[in-house]
C-alpha atoms as a PDB file:
ATOM      1  CA  UNK A   1     117.365 111.188  81.662  1.00  0.00           C
ATOM      2  CA  UNK A   2     118.741 110.717  84.787  1.00  0.00           C
ATOM      3  CA  UNK A   3     117.178 107.192  86.795  1.00  0.00           C
ATOM      4  CA  UNK A   4     116.549 107.681  90.480  1.00  0.00           C
ATOM      5  CA  UNK A   5     118.255 105.040  92.861  1.00  0.00           C
ATOM      6  CA  UNK A   6     116.314 103.022  95.548  1.00  0.00           C
ATOM      7  CA  UNK A   7     116.330 105.799  98.302  1.00  0.00           C
ATOM      8  CA  UNK A   8     115.418 108.398  96.002  1.00  0.00           C
ATOM      9  CA  UNK A   9     112.688 106.304  95.306  1.00  0.00           C
ATOM     10  CA  UNK A  10     111.463 105.899  98.239  1.00  0.00           C
ATOM     11  CA  UNK A  11     111.774 109.484  99.512  1.00  0.00           C
ATOM     12  CA  UNK A  12     109.386 110.275  96.830  1.00  0.00           C
ATOM     13  CA  UNK A  13     107.123 107.878  97.683  1.00  0.00           C
ATOM     14  CA  UNK A  14     107.157 108.962 101.596  1.00  0.00           C
ATOM     15  CA  UNK A  15     106.600 112.804 100.695  1.00  0.00           C
ATOM     16  CA  UNK A  16     103.515 111.734  98.276  1.00  0.00           C
ATOM     17  CA  UNK A  17     102.230 109.834 101.107  1.00  0.00           C
ATOM     18  CA  UNK A  18     102.515 112.897 103.510  1.00  0.00           C
ATOM     19  CA  UNK A  19     100.403 114.743 101.356  1.00  0.00           C
ATOM     20  CA  UNK A  20      97.045 114.801 102.461  1.00  0.00           C
ATOM     21  CA  UNK A  21      95.231 114.612  99.064  1.00  0.00           C
ATOM     22  CA  UNK A  22      91.963 112.607 100.339  1.00  0.00           C
ATOM     23  CA  UNK A  23      89.163 113.007  97.988  1.00  0.00           C
ATOM     24  CA  UNK A  24      89.486 115.988  95.455  1.00  0.00           C
ATOM     25  CA  UNK A  25      92.519 117.494  97.446  1.00  0.00           C
ATOM     26  CA  UNK A  26      95.072 116.250  94.608  1.00  0.00           C
ATOM     27  CA  UNK A  27      96.812 120.499  94.057  1.00  0.00           C
ATOM     28  CA  UNK A  28      99.789 119.671  96.513  1.00  0.00           C
ATOM     29  CA  UNK A  29     100.376 116.769  94.759  1.00  0.00           C
ATOM     30  CA  UNK A  30     100.291 118.332  91.093  1.00  0.00           C
ATOM     31  CA  UNK A  31     102.797 120.946  92.417  1.00  0.00           C
ATOM     32  CA  UNK A  32     105.358 118.424  93.975  1.00  0.00           C
ATOM     33  CA  UNK A  33     105.089 116.713  91.037  1.00  0.00           C
ATOM     34  CA  UNK A  34     105.776 119.506  88.877  1.00  0.00           C
ATOM     35  CA  UNK A  35     108.967 120.359  90.864  1.00  0.00           C
ATOM     36  CA  UNK A  36     110.073 117.179  90.612  1.00  0.00           C
ATOM     37  CA  UNK A  37     109.905 117.152  86.707  1.00  0.00           C
ATOM     38  CA  UNK A  38     111.441 120.213  86.653  1.00  0.00           C
ATOM     39  CA  UNK A  39     114.042 119.104  88.331  1.00  0.00           C
ATOM     40  CA  UNK A  40     115.010 116.890  85.824  1.00  0.00           C
ATOM     41  CA  UNK A  41     114.213 118.897  82.708  1.00  0.00           C
ATOM     42  CA  UNK A  42     110.647 117.360  82.466  1.00  0.00           C
ATOM     43  CA  UNK A  43     108.487 120.361  81.561  1.00  0.00           C
ATOM     44  CA  UNK A  44     105.376 119.642  82.624  1.00  0.00           C
ATOM     45  CA  UNK A  45     102.045 121.966  83.543  1.00  0.00           C
ATOM     46  CA  UNK A  46      99.327 121.909  85.885  1.00  0.00           C
ATOM     47  CA  UNK A  47      95.119 121.818  84.282  1.00  0.00           C
ATOM     48  CA  UNK A  48      93.701 123.326  87.393  1.00  0.00           C
ATOM     49  CA  UNK A  49      89.676 121.993  87.802  1.00  0.00           C
ATOM     50  CA  UNK A  50      88.933 124.376  90.585  1.00  0.00           C
ATOM     51  CA  UNK A  51      91.325 125.374  93.716  1.00  0.00           C
ATOM     52  CA  UNK A  52      91.635 121.559  95.031  1.00  0.00           C
ATOM     53  CA  UNK A  53      91.840 119.570  91.961  1.00  0.00           C
ATOM     54  CA  UNK A  54      94.153 119.347  89.075  1.00  0.00           C
ATOM     55  CA  UNK A  55      95.475 117.356  86.319  1.00  0.00           C
ATOM     56  CA  UNK A  56      99.270 117.556  85.449  1.00  0.00           C
ATOM     57  CA  UNK A  57     100.513 116.624  82.265  1.00  0.00           C
ATOM     58  CA  UNK A  58     104.211 116.095  80.982  1.00  0.00           C
ATOM     59  CA  UNK A  59     105.462 115.228  77.343  1.00  0.00           C
ATOM     60  CA  UNK A  60     108.566 113.230  77.086  1.00  0.00           C
ATOM     61  CA  UNK A  61     110.497 113.435  73.685  1.00  0.00           C
ATOM     62  CA  UNK A  62     109.047 114.811  70.412  1.00  0.00           C
ATOM     63  CA  UNK A  63     108.855 111.659  68.306  1.00  0.00           C
ATOM     64  CA  UNK A  64     106.993 108.699  68.839  1.00  0.00           C
ATOM     65  CA  UNK A  65     105.811 105.921  69.578  1.00  0.00           C
ATOM     66  CA  UNK A  66     103.326 107.874  72.014  1.00  0.00           C
ATOM     67  CA  UNK A  67     102.736 106.358  75.336  1.00  0.00           C
ATOM     68  CA  UNK A  68     100.044 107.572  77.700  1.00  0.00           C
ATOM     69  CA  UNK A  69      99.854 107.257  81.526  1.00  0.00           C
ATOM     70  CA  UNK A  70      95.820 107.992  83.527  1.00  0.00           C
ATOM     71  CA  UNK A  71      96.186 108.250  87.252  1.00  0.00           C
ATOM     72  CA  UNK A  72      95.176 109.363  89.762  1.00  0.00           C
ATOM     73  CA  UNK A  73      96.720 111.589  92.725  1.00  0.00           C
ATOM     74  CA  UNK A  74      93.797 111.749  95.769  1.00  0.00           C
ATOM     75  CA  UNK A  75      93.518 108.806  98.298  1.00  0.00           C
ATOM     76  CA  UNK A  76      90.556 107.607  99.553  1.00  0.00           C
ATOM     77  CA  UNK A  77      89.453 108.969 103.264  1.00  0.00           C
ATOM     78  CA  UNK A  78      91.216 106.930 106.163  1.00  0.00           C
ATOM     79  CA  UNK A  79      87.948 107.077 108.105  1.00  0.00           C
ATOM     80  CA  UNK A  80      88.831 106.522 111.767  1.00  0.00           C
ATOM     81  CA  UNK A  81      92.024 106.898 112.691  1.00  0.00           C
ATOM     82  CA  UNK A  82      92.323 105.060 115.813  1.00  0.00           C
ATOM     83  CA  UNK A  83      91.435 102.243 113.739  1.00  0.00           C
ATOM     84  CA  UNK A  84      95.259 102.173 111.610  1.00  0.00           C
ATOM     85  CA  UNK A  85      97.576  99.822 112.911  1.00  0.00           C
ATOM     86  CA  UNK A  86     100.286 103.063 111.962  1.00  0.00           C
ATOM     87  CA  UNK A  87      99.546 106.674 110.585  1.00  0.00           C
ATOM     88  CA  UNK A  88      97.933 106.364 107.154  1.00  0.00           C
ATOM     89  CA  UNK A  89     100.509 109.745 106.117  1.00  0.00           C
ATOM     90  CA  UNK A  90     103.325 108.755 107.019  1.00  0.00           C
ATOM     91  CA  UNK A  91     105.443 106.140 105.045  1.00  0.00           C
ATOM     92  CA  UNK A  92     106.037 103.270 107.620  1.00  0.00           C
ATOM     93  CA  UNK A  93     108.961 100.065 107.097  1.00  0.00           C
ATOM     94  CA  UNK A  94     108.313  97.115 108.211  1.00  0.00           C
ATOM     95  CA  UNK A  95     109.580  93.814 107.234  1.00  0.00           C
ATOM     96  CA  UNK A  96     110.662  95.412 104.413  1.00  0.00           C
ATOM     97  CA  UNK A  97     106.898  96.421 103.084  1.00  0.00           C
ATOM     98  CA  UNK A  98     105.994 100.006 102.904  1.00  0.00           C
ATOM     99  CA  UNK A  99     102.629 101.152 104.623  1.00  0.00           C
ATOM    100  CA  UNK A 100     100.908 104.368 104.498  1.00  0.00           C
ATOM    101  CA  UNK A 101      97.960 105.805 102.231  1.00  0.00           C
ATOM    102  CA  UNK A 102      98.608 105.506  98.552  1.00  0.00           C
ATOM    103  CA  UNK A 103     101.612 103.157  98.744  1.00  0.00           C
ATOM    104  CA  UNK A 104     100.234 100.121  97.378  1.00  0.00           C
ATOM    105  CA  UNK A 105      97.843 101.619  94.947  1.00  0.00           C
ATOM    106  CA  UNK A 106      98.907 105.037  92.699  1.00  0.00           C
ATOM    107  CA  UNK A 107     101.488 107.304  94.804  1.00  0.00           C
END
């Protein structure tokens, strides 16, 4: 299994922050991650809940031990965009810190 470089990790985060997956709109994140996993030989499936909501399930390997990871792909609404210091849907680096919607909790 390949490893990501630091710049590849930041690019993935930037791509994910750009996706406006606000409150129950995670389908585009599912599709992005499914494609990313596929590029690295990892099969995954999207379990559609409705047109905007879905879960992504991926499995690696066929033997134990088993590790399960559960997370979320949506973010809370940005609210009043004028109150933000930086665009919430654009990854911004300042003094070695990354800012953007979802950058600190799951994306």
